[in-house]
Protein backbone atom coordinates (compact mmCIF):
# COMPACT_ATOMS: atom_id res chain seq x y z
CA MET A 1 21.25 -11.80 -21.02
CA ASN A 2 17.96 -10.48 -22.28
CA PRO A 3 18.53 -9.02 -25.78
CA SER A 4 15.89 -6.37 -25.10
CA ILE A 5 18.31 -4.55 -22.78
CA LEU A 6 21.43 -4.60 -24.89
CA THR A 7 23.37 -1.49 -24.18
CA PRO A 8 25.17 0.84 -26.55
CA ASN A 9 28.88 0.43 -27.13
CA PRO A 10 30.92 1.04 -23.96
CA PRO A 11 31.68 2.97 -21.95
CA TYR A 12 28.53 3.18 -19.85
CA TYR A 13 27.74 2.63 -16.18
CA ALA A 14 26.21 -0.21 -14.18
CA VAL A 15 24.63 0.33 -10.78
CA ILE A 16 24.55 -2.97 -8.88
CA PHE A 17 22.03 -3.05 -6.05
CA ARG A 18 22.20 -6.19 -3.88
CA TYR A 19 19.63 -6.61 -1.13
CA GLU A 20 18.29 -8.92 1.54
CA ARG A 21 14.67 -8.31 2.56
CA THR A 22 13.25 -8.44 6.07
CA HIS A 23 10.36 -10.63 7.11
CA LEU A 24 8.10 -7.57 6.65
CA ASP A 25 7.87 -8.07 2.88
CA THR A 26 4.43 -6.96 1.71
CA PRO A 27 2.61 -6.54 -1.61
CA GLU A 28 3.54 -2.86 -1.31
CA TYR A 29 7.17 -3.84 -1.88
CA GLY A 30 6.42 -5.29 -5.31
CA ASP A 31 4.32 -2.26 -6.20
CA MET A 32 7.10 0.12 -5.20
CA GLU A 33 9.69 -1.93 -7.09
CA ARG A 34 7.59 -1.73 -10.28
CA GLN A 35 7.00 2.01 -9.80
CA MET A 36 10.71 2.68 -9.33
CA LEU A 37 11.68 0.69 -12.43
CA GLN A 38 9.07 2.56 -14.45
CA ALA A 39 10.25 5.92 -13.09
CA ALA A 40 13.93 5.09 -13.75
CA SER A 41 13.14 4.02 -17.30
CA SER A 42 11.69 7.47 -18.02
CA LYS A 43 14.87 9.27 -16.90
CA PRO A 44 17.40 10.59 -19.41
CA GLY A 45 20.37 8.27 -19.65
CA PHE A 46 18.61 5.09 -18.49
CA LEU A 47 19.62 2.15 -20.70
CA GLY A 48 17.87 -0.83 -19.08
CA ALA A 49 17.89 -3.14 -16.09
CA GLU A 50 18.24 -6.77 -15.10
CA HIS A 51 16.82 -8.27 -11.91
CA VAL A 52 17.33 -11.64 -10.24
CA GLU A 53 15.67 -12.77 -7.00
CA GLN A 54 16.43 -15.80 -4.89
CA ASN A 55 15.01 -16.71 -1.50
CA ASN A 56 14.69 -13.45 0.42
CA GLY A 57 17.03 -11.25 -1.59
CA GLY A 58 18.18 -10.27 -5.00
CA ILE A 59 20.34 -8.22 -7.32
CA LEU A 60 19.14 -5.41 -9.56
CA ILE A 61 21.56 -4.03 -12.12
CA SER A 62 20.60 -0.83 -13.89
CA TYR A 63 22.57 0.59 -16.81
CA TRP A 64 23.15 4.29 -17.42
CA GLU A 65 24.82 6.42 -20.08
CA SER A 66 26.78 8.57 -17.61
CA LEU A 67 27.62 9.22 -13.98
CA SER A 68 25.50 12.37 -14.15
CA ALA A 69 22.49 10.24 -15.13
CA VAL A 70 23.22 7.90 -12.19
CA ASP A 71 23.47 10.89 -9.86
CA ALA A 72 20.21 12.39 -11.15
CA TRP A 73 18.44 9.10 -10.39
CA ARG A 74 20.05 8.96 -6.93
CA LYS A 75 18.69 12.45 -6.20
CA ASP A 76 15.20 11.76 -7.61
CA SER A 77 12.60 12.49 -4.90
CA GLY A 78 10.55 9.35 -5.58
CA HIS A 79 13.68 7.20 -5.49
CA ARG A 80 14.80 8.82 -2.22
CA MET A 81 11.36 8.15 -0.70
CA ALA A 82 11.47 4.49 -1.82
CA LYS A 83 14.98 4.10 -0.38
CA ALA A 84 13.86 5.51 2.97
CA ARG A 85 10.89 3.13 3.01
CA GLY A 86 13.22 0.25 2.15
CA VAL A 87 15.52 1.11 5.06
CA SER A 88 12.64 1.40 7.52
CA ASP A 89 10.45 -1.52 6.35
CA TRP A 90 11.79 -3.86 3.67
CA TYR A 91 15.56 -4.36 3.75
CA GLN A 92 17.63 -6.27 6.25
CA SER A 93 20.71 -5.10 4.33
CA PHE A 94 21.73 -3.75 0.95
CA SER A 95 24.74 -2.54 -0.97
CA THR A 96 25.15 -0.37 -4.04
CA ARG A 97 28.13 -0.43 -6.37
CA ILE A 98 28.65 1.84 -9.36
CA CYS A 99 30.91 0.46 -12.09
CA LYS A 100 32.17 1.82 -15.38
CA VAL A 101 31.70 -0.78 -18.11
CA GLU A 102 34.74 -0.65 -20.38
CA ALA A 103 33.87 -3.72 -22.47
CA ASP A 104 31.00 -6.14 -22.90
CA ASN A 105 30.29 -9.34 -24.81
CA PHE A 106 27.01 -11.05 -25.66
CA PHE A 107 26.02 -14.44 -26.99
CA THR A 108 22.66 -15.59 -28.28
CA HIS A 109 21.49 -18.27 -30.68
CA SER A 110 19.12 -15.82 -32.34
CA PRO A 111 20.21 -12.71 -34.25
CA VAL A 112 20.43 -9.62 -32.07
CA GLU A 113 20.84 -6.11 -33.37
CA ARG A 114 22.94 -3.94 -31.07
CA LYS A 115 21.73 -0.42 -30.30
CA HIS A 116 24.32 2.21 -31.06
CA GLY A 117 24.49 5.38 -28.97
């Protein structure tokens, strides 16, 4: 776990986005992905994100203070446009799961200071 995205004490919410890309992957995809992460990070309630890619797919987990913050991001016009573009051009499949984090644990060899909300 990257210490730079340590979350406040639970509870908070995790949105897990798992995807498989089509063969139509273009440089535009990476640009849109960066734009969406930047836009999400400016929204109230955004706590951080982790992203892992392998082969032609990946998992992006974003962390949010509340369900209302998750819903505001879901309704964001830029996010809706990116999702529509993903459906039409970039994704073979995807799933989204929203989870309430009741507890968390972290380990690191270096000292990490936890943010408190």
